[in-house]
Structures are given as structure tokens and as C-alpha cells.
N, C-alpha and C. Protein backbone atom coordinates (compact mmCIF):
# COMPACT_ATOMS: atom_id res chain seq x y z
N MET A 1 -2.02 -7.62 10.71
CA MET A 1 -3.25 -7.38 10.02
C MET A 1 -2.97 -7.33 8.52
N THR A 2 -3.71 -8.11 7.75
CA THR A 2 -3.56 -8.11 6.30
C THR A 2 -4.39 -6.99 5.71
N ARG A 3 -3.81 -6.28 4.77
CA ARG A 3 -4.48 -5.14 4.14
C ARG A 3 -4.76 -5.46 2.68
N THR A 4 -5.28 -4.47 1.96
CA THR A 4 -5.57 -4.66 0.54
C THR A 4 -4.27 -4.87 -0.23
N THR A 5 -4.40 -5.18 -1.49
CA THR A 5 -3.22 -5.45 -2.30
C THR A 5 -2.48 -4.16 -2.67
N LEU A 6 -1.24 -4.33 -3.04
CA LEU A 6 -0.39 -3.22 -3.47
C LEU A 6 -0.38 -3.16 -4.99
N SER A 7 0.01 -2.01 -5.50
CA SER A 7 0.14 -1.87 -6.95
C SER A 7 1.35 -2.67 -7.43
N PRO A 8 1.37 -3.07 -8.70
CA PRO A 8 2.54 -3.79 -9.23
C PRO A 8 3.84 -2.99 -9.05
N ARG A 9 3.75 -1.68 -9.19
CA ARG A 9 4.93 -0.83 -9.02
C ARG A 9 5.48 -0.91 -7.59
N THR A 10 4.58 -0.89 -6.61
CA THR A 10 5.00 -0.98 -5.21
C THR A 10 5.55 -2.37 -4.91
N ILE A 11 4.94 -3.40 -5.48
CA ILE A 11 5.44 -4.76 -5.27
C ILE A 11 6.85 -4.89 -5.84
N ASN A 12 7.08 -4.37 -7.04
CA ASN A 12 8.41 -4.41 -7.64
C ASN A 12 9.43 -3.64 -6.79
N ALA A 13 9.02 -2.47 -6.29
CA ALA A 13 9.90 -1.68 -5.43
C ALA A 13 10.23 -2.45 -4.16
N TYR A 14 9.23 -3.10 -3.59
CA TYR A 14 9.46 -3.89 -2.38
C TYR A 14 10.41 -5.06 -2.67
N ASN A 15 10.22 -5.74 -3.77
CA ASN A 15 11.09 -6.87 -4.12
C ASN A 15 12.54 -6.43 -4.29
N ARG A 16 12.75 -5.28 -4.93
CA ARG A 16 14.11 -4.74 -5.07
C ARG A 16 14.69 -4.42 -3.69
N PHE A 17 13.88 -3.80 -2.84
CA PHE A 17 14.30 -3.45 -1.48
C PHE A 17 14.68 -4.71 -0.70
N ALA A 18 13.85 -5.75 -0.76
CA ALA A 18 14.11 -7.00 -0.03
C ALA A 18 15.41 -7.66 -0.49
N LYS A 19 15.69 -7.61 -1.80
CA LYS A 19 16.94 -8.19 -2.32
C LYS A 19 18.15 -7.42 -1.81
N GLU A 20 18.04 -6.10 -1.75
CA GLU A 20 19.15 -5.28 -1.24
C GLU A 20 19.39 -5.56 0.24
N ILE A 21 18.32 -5.72 1.00
CA ILE A 21 18.45 -6.05 2.43
C ILE A 21 19.14 -7.41 2.56
N ALA A 22 18.76 -8.37 1.74
CA ALA A 22 19.39 -9.69 1.78
C ALA A 22 20.88 -9.58 1.48
N ALA A 23 21.25 -8.76 0.52
CA ALA A 23 22.66 -8.59 0.16
C ALA A 23 23.45 -7.97 1.31
N ILE A 24 22.88 -6.95 1.94
CA ILE A 24 23.56 -6.31 3.08
C ILE A 24 23.70 -7.30 4.23
N ASN A 25 22.66 -8.09 4.48
CA ASN A 25 22.74 -9.10 5.54
C ASN A 25 23.82 -10.13 5.24
N PHE A 26 23.98 -10.49 3.97
CA PHE A 26 25.03 -11.44 3.58
C PHE A 26 26.41 -10.85 3.85
N ILE A 27 26.62 -9.63 3.43
CA ILE A 27 27.92 -8.97 3.63
C ILE A 27 28.21 -8.83 5.12
N ARG A 28 27.19 -8.49 5.87
CA ARG A 28 27.34 -8.30 7.31
C ARG A 28 27.81 -9.59 8.00
N ARG A 29 27.40 -10.73 7.50
CA ARG A 29 27.78 -12.03 8.08
C ARG A 29 29.26 -12.35 7.87
N GLU A 30 29.87 -11.71 6.89
CA GLU A 30 31.28 -11.96 6.62
C GLU A 30 32.20 -11.37 7.69
N LYS A 31 31.64 -10.54 8.55
CA LYS A 31 32.36 -9.91 9.67
C LYS A 31 33.60 -9.14 9.24
N PRO A 32 33.46 -8.24 8.27
CA PRO A 32 34.60 -7.39 7.94
C PRO A 32 34.87 -6.46 9.11
N SER A 33 36.07 -5.95 9.19
CA SER A 33 36.40 -5.07 10.31
C SER A 33 36.65 -3.65 9.82
N GLY A 34 36.72 -2.74 10.77
CA GLY A 34 37.02 -1.36 10.45
C GLY A 34 35.78 -0.55 10.09
N ALA A 35 36.02 0.72 9.83
CA ALA A 35 34.93 1.63 9.45
C ALA A 35 34.46 1.28 8.04
N LEU A 36 33.23 1.63 7.76
CA LEU A 36 32.65 1.34 6.46
C LEU A 36 33.03 2.43 5.46
N GLY A 37 33.17 2.05 4.22
CA GLY A 37 33.55 2.99 3.18
C GLY A 37 32.39 3.85 2.72
N SER A 38 32.71 4.84 1.93
CA SER A 38 31.69 5.78 1.45
C SER A 38 30.66 5.10 0.55
N SER A 39 31.06 4.08 -0.20
CA SER A 39 30.09 3.40 -1.06
C SER A 39 29.07 2.61 -0.22
N THR A 40 29.51 2.04 0.91
CA THR A 40 28.58 1.33 1.79
C THR A 40 27.61 2.30 2.44
N VAL A 41 28.11 3.45 2.85
CA VAL A 41 27.24 4.47 3.44
C VAL A 41 26.23 4.95 2.40
N ALA A 42 26.67 5.15 1.16
CA ALA A 42 25.76 5.57 0.09
C ALA A 42 24.70 4.51 -0.16
N THR A 43 25.10 3.23 -0.15
CA THR A 43 24.13 2.14 -0.33
C THR A 43 23.12 2.13 0.81
N CYS A 44 23.60 2.31 2.02
CA CYS A 44 22.69 2.36 3.18
C CYS A 44 21.71 3.52 3.05
N ASN A 45 22.19 4.67 2.59
CA ASN A 45 21.30 5.81 2.41
C ASN A 45 20.26 5.55 1.33
N LYS A 46 20.63 4.80 0.29
CA LYS A 46 19.65 4.43 -0.74
C LYS A 46 18.59 3.50 -0.16
N LEU A 47 19.02 2.57 0.70
CA LEU A 47 18.06 1.68 1.35
C LEU A 47 17.14 2.44 2.29
N VAL A 48 17.68 3.39 3.01
CA VAL A 48 16.87 4.23 3.90
C VAL A 48 15.83 5.00 3.09
N ALA A 49 16.25 5.58 1.98
CA ALA A 49 15.31 6.33 1.13
C ALA A 49 14.23 5.41 0.57
N ALA A 50 14.63 4.21 0.14
CA ALA A 50 13.65 3.25 -0.40
C ALA A 50 12.67 2.82 0.68
N ALA A 51 13.17 2.55 1.88
CA ALA A 51 12.30 2.15 2.98
C ALA A 51 11.31 3.25 3.31
N ASN A 52 11.78 4.47 3.39
CA ASN A 52 10.89 5.59 3.72
C ASN A 52 9.82 5.80 2.65
N ARG A 53 10.18 5.61 1.37
CA ARG A 53 9.19 5.71 0.29
C ARG A 53 8.15 4.59 0.39
N LEU A 54 8.63 3.36 0.59
CA LEU A 54 7.72 2.22 0.68
C LEU A 54 6.76 2.31 1.86
N PHE A 55 7.30 2.72 3.00
CA PHE A 55 6.52 2.69 4.23
C PHE A 55 5.76 3.99 4.49
N LYS A 56 5.93 5.00 3.64
CA LYS A 56 5.29 6.30 3.85
C LYS A 56 3.77 6.22 4.02
N PRO A 57 3.05 5.40 3.21
CA PRO A 57 1.60 5.33 3.38
C PRO A 57 1.15 4.64 4.68
N GLU A 58 2.08 4.01 5.37
CA GLU A 58 1.76 3.27 6.59
C GLU A 58 2.13 4.13 7.79
N PRO A 59 1.16 4.73 8.47
CA PRO A 59 1.49 5.66 9.56
C PRO A 59 2.21 5.02 10.75
N ASP A 60 2.04 3.74 10.97
CA ASP A 60 2.68 3.11 12.13
C ASP A 60 3.99 2.38 11.79
N MET A 61 4.45 2.53 10.57
CA MET A 61 5.75 1.94 10.19
C MET A 61 6.86 2.89 10.60
N PRO A 62 8.04 2.35 10.91
CA PRO A 62 9.15 3.22 11.33
C PRO A 62 9.66 4.07 10.17
N ARG A 63 10.25 5.17 10.53
CA ARG A 63 10.94 6.04 9.57
C ARG A 63 12.42 5.95 9.89
N PHE A 64 13.24 6.07 8.87
CA PHE A 64 14.67 5.92 9.03
C PHE A 64 15.36 7.22 8.66
N LEU A 65 16.37 7.57 9.45
CA LEU A 65 17.14 8.79 9.19
C LEU A 65 18.30 8.50 8.26
N ARG A 66 18.56 9.44 7.38
CA ARG A 66 19.69 9.35 6.47
C ARG A 66 20.98 9.38 7.27
N ILE A 67 21.97 8.63 6.82
CA ILE A 67 23.26 8.57 7.50
C ILE A 67 24.14 9.70 6.98
N ASP A 68 24.74 10.41 7.90
CA ASP A 68 25.64 11.51 7.53
C ASP A 68 26.91 10.91 6.94
N PRO A 69 27.20 11.20 5.67
CA PRO A 69 28.38 10.60 5.04
C PRO A 69 29.71 11.11 5.61
N THR A 70 29.67 12.19 6.38
CA THR A 70 30.91 12.70 6.95
C THR A 70 31.22 12.08 8.31
N THR A 71 30.28 11.35 8.87
CA THR A 71 30.48 10.68 10.16
C THR A 71 30.81 9.22 9.90
N PRO A 72 31.88 8.71 10.48
CA PRO A 72 32.23 7.30 10.26
C PRO A 72 31.11 6.37 10.73
N MET A 73 30.85 5.35 9.93
CA MET A 73 29.84 4.34 10.26
C MET A 73 30.57 3.06 10.63
N THR A 74 30.22 2.49 11.77
CA THR A 74 30.89 1.28 12.24
C THR A 74 30.10 0.04 11.85
N GLN A 75 30.70 -1.12 12.07
CA GLN A 75 30.01 -2.38 11.83
C GLN A 75 28.79 -2.51 12.73
N ALA A 76 28.90 -2.02 13.97
CA ALA A 76 27.75 -2.06 14.89
C ALA A 76 26.61 -1.21 14.35
N ASP A 77 26.93 -0.05 13.78
CA ASP A 77 25.90 0.80 13.16
C ASP A 77 25.21 0.06 12.03
N LEU A 78 26.01 -0.63 11.21
CA LEU A 78 25.46 -1.38 10.08
C LEU A 78 24.55 -2.50 10.57
N ARG A 79 24.99 -3.22 11.60
CA ARG A 79 24.17 -4.30 12.15
C ARG A 79 22.84 -3.77 12.67
N LEU A 80 22.88 -2.65 13.38
CA LEU A 80 21.65 -2.06 13.91
C LEU A 80 20.73 -1.62 12.78
N LEU A 81 21.27 -0.94 11.79
CA LEU A 81 20.45 -0.47 10.67
C LEU A 81 19.83 -1.63 9.91
N THR A 82 20.62 -2.66 9.60
CA THR A 82 20.06 -3.78 8.83
C THR A 82 19.04 -4.56 9.65
N ALA A 83 19.25 -4.66 10.95
CA ALA A 83 18.25 -5.33 11.79
C ALA A 83 16.94 -4.56 11.79
N ARG A 84 17.01 -3.25 11.89
CA ARG A 84 15.79 -2.42 11.86
C ARG A 84 15.10 -2.49 10.50
N LEU A 85 15.88 -2.42 9.42
CA LEU A 85 15.29 -2.49 8.08
C LEU A 85 14.66 -3.86 7.82
N THR A 86 15.34 -4.92 8.25
CA THR A 86 14.80 -6.27 8.07
C THR A 86 13.52 -6.45 8.87
N ALA A 87 13.50 -5.98 10.12
CA ALA A 87 12.30 -6.08 10.95
C ALA A 87 11.14 -5.32 10.31
N ALA A 88 11.42 -4.13 9.79
CA ALA A 88 10.37 -3.34 9.13
C ALA A 88 9.87 -4.05 7.88
N ALA A 89 10.79 -4.65 7.10
CA ALA A 89 10.39 -5.38 5.89
C ALA A 89 9.48 -6.55 6.24
N LEU A 90 9.83 -7.29 7.28
CA LEU A 90 9.00 -8.43 7.70
C LEU A 90 7.63 -7.97 8.19
N ASP A 91 7.59 -6.85 8.90
CA ASP A 91 6.31 -6.29 9.35
C ASP A 91 5.46 -5.88 8.15
N PHE A 92 6.09 -5.26 7.16
CA PHE A 92 5.39 -4.84 5.95
C PHE A 92 4.81 -6.05 5.21
N GLU A 93 5.60 -7.12 5.13
CA GLU A 93 5.13 -8.35 4.47
C GLU A 93 3.89 -8.91 5.15
N GLU A 94 3.86 -8.86 6.47
CA GLU A 94 2.72 -9.41 7.21
C GLU A 94 1.43 -8.65 6.92
N ARG A 95 1.55 -7.40 6.51
CA ARG A 95 0.37 -6.58 6.22
C ARG A 95 -0.27 -6.92 4.88
N TYR A 96 0.51 -7.46 3.98
CA TYR A 96 0.03 -7.73 2.63
C TYR A 96 0.28 -9.20 2.30
N ALA A 97 -0.79 -9.96 2.20
CA ALA A 97 -0.71 -11.42 2.03
C ALA A 97 0.12 -11.81 0.80
N HIS A 98 0.05 -11.05 -0.27
CA HIS A 98 0.76 -11.41 -1.49
C HIS A 98 2.27 -11.16 -1.40
N LEU A 99 2.75 -10.55 -0.31
CA LEU A 99 4.19 -10.38 -0.11
C LEU A 99 4.75 -11.41 0.86
N SER A 100 3.91 -12.10 1.57
CA SER A 100 4.36 -12.98 2.65
C SER A 100 5.48 -13.90 2.22
N GLY A 101 6.56 -13.85 2.96
CA GLY A 101 7.68 -14.73 2.72
C GLY A 101 8.74 -14.21 1.77
N THR A 102 8.58 -13.02 1.21
CA THR A 102 9.57 -12.51 0.26
C THR A 102 10.94 -12.41 0.92
N THR A 103 11.01 -11.75 2.07
CA THR A 103 12.29 -11.60 2.74
C THR A 103 12.79 -12.95 3.25
N ALA A 104 11.89 -13.77 3.77
CA ALA A 104 12.28 -15.09 4.26
C ALA A 104 12.84 -15.96 3.14
N ARG A 105 12.30 -15.83 1.93
CA ARG A 105 12.82 -16.61 0.80
C ARG A 105 14.21 -16.14 0.38
N LEU A 106 14.48 -14.85 0.58
CA LEU A 106 15.76 -14.30 0.15
C LEU A 106 16.87 -14.54 1.16
N ILE A 107 16.51 -14.71 2.44
CA ILE A 107 17.50 -14.91 3.49
C ILE A 107 17.15 -16.19 4.23
N ASP A 108 18.09 -17.14 4.28
CA ASP A 108 17.79 -18.36 5.02
C ASP A 108 18.12 -18.17 6.50
N ARG A 109 17.97 -19.19 7.29
CA ARG A 109 18.16 -19.08 8.75
C ARG A 109 19.55 -18.61 9.15
N SER A 110 20.55 -18.89 8.34
CA SER A 110 21.92 -18.49 8.66
C SER A 110 22.17 -17.02 8.33
N GLY A 111 21.22 -16.36 7.67
CA GLY A 111 21.40 -14.99 7.26
C GLY A 111 22.03 -14.87 5.88
N LEU A 112 22.28 -16.00 5.25
CA LEU A 112 22.88 -15.99 3.91
C LEU A 112 21.78 -16.02 2.85
N PRO A 113 22.08 -15.54 1.65
CA PRO A 113 21.06 -15.63 0.59
C PRO A 113 20.61 -17.07 0.40
N SER A 114 19.34 -17.25 0.29
CA SER A 114 18.78 -18.59 0.14
C SER A 114 19.03 -19.14 -1.25
N PRO A 115 19.38 -20.42 -1.36
CA PRO A 115 19.55 -21.02 -2.68
C PRO A 115 18.21 -21.23 -3.39
N HIS A 116 17.10 -21.01 -2.67
CA HIS A 116 15.78 -21.23 -3.23
C HIS A 116 15.09 -19.92 -3.58
N ARG A 117 15.87 -18.90 -3.92
CA ARG A 117 15.31 -17.60 -4.27
C ARG A 117 14.43 -17.71 -5.49
N HIS A 118 13.44 -16.82 -5.55
CA HIS A 118 12.55 -16.77 -6.72
C HIS A 118 12.75 -15.47 -7.43
């Protein structure tokens, strides 16, 4: 369902969020091994906070829990989190016609950053 337009501030916040999701998806495709470092966990927590702020006015959008920095985060955890965040971003785009395709433009079919970014 398409809804009314968003404020320029919300659009800018969404565009920043979509770019960060694209970057995480790119890194995830490199298939690094082992537990994730504290900086990756901090980045994920920033994405979770951004997603919760963006989606707060939408009662049927998912909410994301902050990752405990003292608990090791695995590659599987990262894949699950990025899949959920990407799915939520695509759902959010479908609600607002002027956002349609933002995430798709940033990530091509292979999951890599698109060379046709705007």
C-alpha cells in the first residue's frame, strides 16, 4: 500500500540507512570467517537504531533488538540480521512511491553494490 510522502529529513535518513545496508550486504558476500569484531557489532547496533527510528511511525513494521556487545556475533547472525533489515527496507520502500527502488538501485542481483547507484 502506498502512503503519503515522507519529509525530506526522513528521506535522507532512509537513503543513509539503505546505503549502510548495501555496504553490509557487500561485506557479507565476501564470506569472511570467524566471530565478528566489536566495530561490526557497533555498526549493526547503529543500523538497528536507525531502522527502529525510521520504522517507528509504522505500527506493522518489525522492530529490531540491539545486539549485546558482550555476546559473540557469528556470520550466521549477521546474515540473518541483514536479511531482516533488507526485507524491512524493501517493505518500507513499497509504502512510499518516491522511495521505490532505492535499495534495489544500491544492491544488484548478486548482492554487490550496483555500478548504477544514484
